[in-house]
Amino acid sequence: MKHNVLFITAVMAAIAMTAISCGNSKSNTNEMQPLPVATSICEGVSMLEIDSATTLITLRDNAEPSSQPNSLFYGKNNKDSAKVEQLSPNGQIPSSIHAFLVKKDNKLTLFDAGNGIVKGGMLLSRLDSVGYGPENIDYIILTHMHGDHIGGLLNGDSAVFTRAEVFVPQVECQYWLSQSNANGQLATKAVAAYGNRLHQFSYTDTTALPLGIRAMAAIGHTPGHTVYSVSKHRLMIAGDLIHGYDLQRQDMNISPTYDINPEQAAEARKFYFQFARNKHSVIAGMHLPGNGVLIEE
């Protein structure tokens, strides 16, 4: 199946442009822009209106545009290596680390929190450039609990976001709390730091999330990996459904080593990308290149 990608050109109303202004920053002319991208607000930040009540702000957590090596996608026992090399002759696949801020009904919802300052994460700097601090965030909703998605929740053992309510799928949270590895230890710290402001929810609880946001299980990348529908499917927060879009759009059965269950991850990837096509959703993916958003047709 051919996947035609339209990287969104955002039409910004004058009021939106004046409501949010950036600090001094230089545009990065090396950022990969294979197709028209959303209007950049400042370095690593773009914004577009999803509907009259919902605005998406993209926040690139990595300082510079980045890429993933082909070898990340070779699969178990290098079973896909020949295919990957054929589909990606340059040896590298553009990628990124993004968090997404949604402004809706005068509330600010942050989806994921990046790596954190200790690991070079730029999330707080990007937020500051558009006039927000961590104290302004009302809700944080996690797609899953890998370190590049929850590291930014913490400063040492302390909560960075001092008043935000945090939401995480129960199956995801419980899995990582049961692990003794570094990621499990980080999850344990995050749960302790946010205390009763961290809410574990089940997929059957349709009222668990604020602002009508809908959680949809997308297991495979992790046991509780989740995508989120915002504003009646106008926006889909895709989490880590995909890590190397330029490669994986050609064959969605290809999975990175990060996927705990590659077969399940591939099925989730195919299902939700088709879901987004059917709904004409804007897809916001944490590892999509450029500004992290696209529409597939």
Protein backbone atom coordinates (compact mmCIF):
# COMPACT_ATOMS: atom_id res chain seq x y z
CA MET A 1 0.00 0.00 0.00
CA LYS A 2 1.31 3.39 -0.94
CA HIS A 3 1.51 5.91 1.89
CA ASN A 4 1.36 9.52 0.76
CA VAL A 5 2.46 11.83 3.55
CA LEU A 6 1.41 15.43 3.89
CA PHE A 7 3.45 17.23 6.52
CA ILE A 8 0.93 19.80 7.65
CA THR A 9 1.16 23.45 6.67
CA ALA A 10 -0.49 25.24 9.58
CA VAL A 11 -2.49 28.37 8.87
CA MET A 12 -2.07 30.51 11.95
CA ALA A 13 -4.68 33.13 12.81
CA ALA A 14 -3.24 36.50 13.76
CA ILE A 15 -4.59 36.18 17.29
CA ALA A 16 -2.77 32.88 17.77
CA MET A 17 0.47 34.38 16.55
CA THR A 18 0.24 37.24 19.01
CA ALA A 19 -0.90 35.10 21.92
CA ILE A 20 2.28 33.01 21.91
CA SER A 21 5.66 34.56 21.14
CA CYS A 22 9.06 32.93 21.27
CA GLY A 23 12.33 33.97 22.76
CA ASN A 24 15.27 34.56 20.48
CA SER A 25 16.16 31.44 18.53
CA LYS A 26 17.75 30.57 15.23
CA SER A 27 15.96 28.36 12.77
CA ASN A 28 17.81 25.15 11.97
CA THR A 29 18.18 24.97 8.21
CA ASN A 30 19.47 21.40 8.47
CA GLU A 31 16.16 20.06 9.80
CA MET A 32 14.80 17.49 7.37
CA GLN A 33 11.84 18.90 5.47
CA PRO A 34 10.96 16.42 2.71
CA LEU A 35 7.51 17.96 2.29
CA PRO A 36 5.92 21.23 3.48
CA VAL A 37 6.03 21.40 7.27
CA ALA A 38 3.87 23.20 9.79
CA THR A 39 4.71 26.83 10.37
CA SER A 40 7.55 26.95 12.88
CA ILE A 41 6.94 29.14 15.90
CA CYS A 42 10.57 28.96 16.97
CA GLU A 43 13.41 26.44 17.07
CA GLY A 44 11.97 23.01 17.85
CA VAL A 45 8.41 24.31 18.29
CA SER A 46 5.45 24.50 15.92
CA MET A 47 1.75 25.07 16.37
CA LEU A 48 -1.46 24.32 14.51
CA GLU A 49 -5.15 24.57 15.19
CA ILE A 50 -6.86 21.18 15.30
CA ASP A 51 -10.29 22.77 15.58
CA SER A 52 -11.76 25.98 16.96
CA ALA A 53 -11.29 24.76 20.55
CA THR A 54 -8.05 22.76 20.27
CA THR A 55 -4.50 23.86 19.52
CA LEU A 56 -1.52 21.51 19.19
CA ILE A 57 1.98 22.72 20.08
CA THR A 58 4.82 20.39 19.10
CA LEU A 59 7.88 20.38 21.35
CA ARG A 60 11.04 18.68 20.09
CA ASP A 61 12.98 17.34 23.06
CA ASN A 62 16.25 16.70 21.23
CA ALA A 63 18.39 19.78 20.62
CA GLU A 64 19.10 18.97 16.97
CA PRO A 65 17.35 16.83 14.36
CA SER A 66 18.51 13.24 14.70
CA SER A 67 18.36 9.85 13.02
CA GLN A 68 18.35 6.15 13.81
CA PRO A 69 20.80 3.64 12.30
CA ASN A 70 19.47 0.96 9.98
CA SER A 71 20.74 -1.70 12.36
CA LEU A 72 18.09 -0.71 14.92
CA PHE A 73 15.51 -2.29 12.61
CA TYR A 74 17.28 -5.52 11.64
CA GLY A 75 15.07 -7.62 13.91
CA LYS A 76 15.83 -10.81 15.83
CA ASN A 77 18.84 -12.64 14.42
CA ASN A 78 19.10 -9.87 11.79
CA LYS A 79 16.18 -11.42 9.92
CA ASP A 80 15.19 -8.13 8.27
CA SER A 81 18.67 -6.75 7.61
CA ALA A 82 18.65 -7.24 3.83
CA LYS A 83 15.19 -5.73 3.50
CA VAL A 84 16.10 -2.76 5.69
CA GLU A 85 19.27 -2.03 3.73
CA GLN A 86 17.35 -2.17 0.48
CA LEU A 87 14.61 0.17 1.71
CA SER A 88 17.01 2.55 3.47
CA PRO A 89 20.14 2.81 1.31
CA ASN A 90 21.44 5.86 3.19
CA GLY A 91 21.96 3.77 6.34
CA GLN A 92 20.12 6.23 8.59
CA ILE A 93 16.44 7.01 9.16
CA PRO A 94 15.38 10.51 10.32
CA SER A 95 13.79 10.50 13.76
CA SER A 96 13.17 12.73 16.78
CA ILE A 97 11.94 12.82 20.34
CA HIS A 98 8.80 14.90 20.77
CA ALA A 99 6.33 15.81 23.45
CA PHE A 100 3.04 17.44 22.53
CA LEU A 101 1.14 20.17 24.31
CA VAL A 102 -2.59 20.44 23.68
CA LYS A 103 -4.46 23.58 24.64
CA LYS A 104 -8.17 22.91 24.98
CA ASP A 105 -10.87 24.56 27.08
CA ASN A 106 -8.23 26.80 28.71
CA LYS A 107 -6.41 23.72 30.00
CA LEU A 108 -2.89 22.61 29.07
CA THR A 109 -2.34 18.88 28.56
CA LEU A 110 1.16 17.57 27.97
CA PHE A 111 1.55 14.20 26.29
CA ASP A 112 4.81 12.63 27.54
CA ALA A 113 7.71 14.55 29.05
CA GLY A 114 10.86 13.68 27.13
CA ASN A 115 14.24 12.67 28.47
CA GLY A 116 14.76 15.33 31.12
CA ILE A 117 17.44 17.99 31.48
CA VAL A 118 20.04 15.56 32.84
CA LYS A 119 19.97 13.71 29.49
CA GLY A 120 19.91 16.86 27.40
CA GLY A 121 16.15 17.14 27.06
CA MET A 122 14.92 20.48 25.74
CA LEU A 123 11.28 20.23 26.80
CA LEU A 124 11.38 22.89 29.52
CA SER A 125 13.33 25.24 27.28
CA ARG A 126 10.83 24.73 24.46
CA LEU A 127 7.94 25.36 26.86
CA ASP A 128 9.60 28.52 28.12
CA SER A 129 10.06 29.79 24.56
CA VAL A 130 6.28 29.88 24.13
CA GLY A 131 5.60 31.41 27.51
CA TYR A 132 4.85 28.38 29.67
CA GLY A 133 6.55 26.89 32.70
CA PRO A 134 6.02 23.48 34.30
CA GLU A 135 3.70 25.10 36.84
CA ASN A 136 1.28 25.98 34.02
CA ILE A 137 0.63 22.38 32.98
CA ASP A 138 -2.73 21.03 34.14
CA TYR A 139 -2.49 17.42 32.95
CA ILE A 140 0.21 15.03 31.77
CA ILE A 141 -0.88 11.92 29.87
CA LEU A 142 1.69 9.21 29.22
CA THR A 143 1.75 6.99 26.15
CA HIS A 144 4.09 4.62 28.00
CA MET A 145 6.91 4.71 30.55
CA HIS A 146 10.18 4.41 28.65
CA GLY A 147 12.83 6.81 29.89
CA ASP A 148 12.63 9.18 26.93
CA HIS A 149 8.96 9.72 27.78
CA ILE A 150 9.05 10.02 31.59
CA GLY A 151 12.58 11.23 32.35
CA GLY A 152 11.37 14.82 32.06
CA LEU A 153 8.89 14.27 34.89
CA LEU A 154 11.73 14.33 37.38
CA ASN A 155 14.52 16.53 38.66
CA GLY A 156 16.47 14.04 40.72
CA ASP A 157 13.76 12.46 42.86
CA SER A 158 11.46 15.49 42.75
CA ALA A 159 8.48 16.25 40.54
CA VAL A 160 9.18 18.87 37.85
CA PHE A 161 5.50 19.61 37.23
CA THR A 162 4.34 20.91 40.57
CA ARG A 163 0.58 20.83 40.11
CA ALA A 164 -0.09 18.62 37.09
CA GLU A 165 -2.29 15.55 37.38
CA VAL A 166 -0.54 12.62 35.67
CA PHE A 167 -2.39 9.79 33.92
CA VAL A 168 -0.89 6.44 32.91
CA PRO A 169 -2.44 3.13 31.84
CA GLN A 170 -2.50 0.79 34.84
CA VAL A 171 -1.11 -2.18 32.92
CA GLU A 172 1.84 -0.08 31.76
CA CYS A 173 2.59 1.34 35.18
CA GLN A 174 2.35 -1.98 36.98
CA TYR A 175 4.63 -3.66 34.45
CA TRP A 176 7.45 -1.18 34.98
CA LEU A 177 7.01 -1.11 38.74
CA SER A 178 7.67 -4.86 38.65
CA GLN A 179 10.97 -4.43 36.78
CA SER A 180 14.30 -3.97 38.57
CA ASN A 181 16.14 -2.48 35.56
CA ALA A 182 16.93 1.21 35.09
CA ASN A 183 13.61 1.90 33.42
CA GLY A 184 11.74 0.22 36.24
CA GLN A 185 13.67 2.25 38.80
CA LEU A 186 12.82 5.46 36.92
CA ALA A 187 9.13 4.54 36.85
CA THR A 188 9.22 3.84 40.60
CA LYS A 189 10.74 7.28 41.23
CA ALA A 190 8.10 8.97 39.09
CA VAL A 191 5.24 7.24 40.90
CA ALA A 192 6.71 8.20 44.26
CA ALA A 193 7.35 11.81 43.23
CA TYR A 194 3.80 12.46 42.02
CA GLY A 195 2.03 10.51 44.75
CA ASN A 196 -1.73 10.96 44.66
CA ARG A 197 -1.43 13.19 41.58
CA LEU A 198 -0.53 10.12 39.50
CA HIS A 199 -3.61 8.24 38.36
CA GLN A 200 -3.51 4.73 36.92
CA PHE A 201 -6.48 4.02 34.69
CA SER A 202 -7.97 1.00 32.96
CA TYR A 203 -8.98 1.03 29.31
CA THR A 204 -12.56 0.18 30.25
CA ASP A 205 -12.93 3.41 32.26
CA THR A 206 -14.06 5.82 29.57
CA THR A 207 -14.31 8.72 32.03
CA ALA A 208 -10.80 8.40 33.47
CA LEU A 209 -9.21 11.08 31.31
CA PRO A 210 -9.97 14.80 31.21
CA LEU A 211 -11.33 16.86 28.30
CA GLY A 212 -12.97 13.92 26.56
CA ILE A 213 -9.61 12.40 25.63
CA ARG A 214 -9.93 8.73 24.71
CA ALA A 215 -7.29 6.09 25.47
CA MET A 216 -6.82 3.28 22.96
CA ALA A 217 -4.63 0.27 23.74
CA ALA A 218 -1.74 -0.16 21.30
CA ILE A 219 0.30 -2.84 23.02
CA GLY A 220 3.45 -4.31 21.58
CA HIS A 221 5.99 -1.55 21.93
CA THR A 222 5.42 -1.99 25.66
CA PRO A 223 2.73 -3.99 27.52
CA GLY A 224 0.61 -0.88 28.08
CA HIS A 225 1.60 1.34 25.18
CA THR A 226 -1.35 3.61 24.40
CA VAL A 227 -2.45 6.04 21.72
CA TYR A 228 -4.89 8.84 22.45
CA SER A 229 -7.73 10.35 20.48
CA VAL A 230 -8.32 14.07 21.01
CA SER A 231 -11.28 16.12 19.80
CA LYS A 232 -13.26 13.21 18.37
CA HIS A 233 -10.34 11.72 16.42
CA ARG A 234 -9.26 15.00 14.83
CA LEU A 235 -5.91 14.42 16.55
CA MET A 236 -4.25 11.10 17.35
CA ILE A 237 -1.30 11.09 19.75
CA ALA A 238 0.54 8.09 18.33
CA GLY A 239 3.26 7.58 20.94
CA ASP A 240 5.88 5.11 19.71
CA LEU A 241 3.82 3.34 17.08
CA ILE A 242 6.63 4.19 14.70
CA HIS A 243 10.34 5.03 15.17
CA GLY A 244 11.68 5.34 11.63
CA TYR A 245 8.86 6.60 9.47
CA ASP A 246 10.73 6.85 6.16
CA LEU A 247 11.62 3.17 6.50
CA GLN A 248 8.59 1.72 8.26
CA ARG A 249 6.02 3.41 6.02
CA GLN A 250 7.37 1.17 3.27
CA ASP A 251 6.87 -1.97 5.34
CA MET A 252 5.03 -1.67 8.63
CA ASN A 253 6.04 -5.18 9.65
CA ILE A 254 9.54 -3.85 10.30
CA SER A 255 10.05 -3.16 14.01
CA PRO A 256 12.88 -1.57 15.99
CA THR A 257 14.64 -3.37 18.80
CA TYR A 258 12.76 -1.09 21.21
CA ASP A 259 9.51 -2.97 20.57
CA ILE A 260 9.12 -5.54 23.35
CA ASN A 261 6.74 -7.63 21.24
CA PRO A 262 7.55 -6.84 17.58
CA GLU A 263 4.63 -8.79 16.12
CA GLN A 264 2.07 -7.07 18.34
CA ALA A 265 3.71 -3.71 17.73
CA ALA A 266 3.48 -4.21 13.95
CA GLU A 267 -0.22 -5.08 14.18
CA ALA A 268 -0.91 -2.02 16.33
CA ARG A 269 1.06 0.16 13.93
CA LYS A 270 -0.90 -1.03 10.89
CA PHE A 271 -4.24 -0.83 12.65
CA TYR A 272 -3.85 2.71 13.99
CA PHE A 273 -2.31 4.19 10.86
CA GLN A 274 -5.30 2.85 8.93
CA PHE A 275 -7.58 4.15 11.69
CA ALA A 276 -6.03 7.61 11.29
CA ARG A 277 -6.46 7.47 7.52
CA ASN A 278 -10.12 6.54 7.90
CA LYS A 279 -10.73 9.35 10.38
CA HIS A 280 -8.54 11.90 8.55
CA SER A 281 -6.73 12.44 11.83
CA VAL A 282 -3.66 14.53 12.37
CA ILE A 283 -1.04 12.06 13.65
CA ALA A 284 1.36 13.36 16.30
CA GLY A 285 4.12 10.82 16.83
CA MET A 286 6.86 11.08 19.41
CA HIS A 287 9.52 9.88 16.96
CA LEU A 288 8.24 11.24 13.67
CA PRO A 289 10.81 13.44 11.88
CA GLY A 290 10.46 17.16 11.32
CA ASN A 291 7.86 18.68 13.61
CA GLY A 292 6.40 15.29 14.53
CA VAL A 293 3.02 15.65 12.79
CA LEU A 294 1.55 14.30 9.59
CA ILE A 295 -1.61 13.28 7.81
CA GLU A 296 -1.68 10.02 5.85
CA GLU A 297 -3.97 9.65 2.89
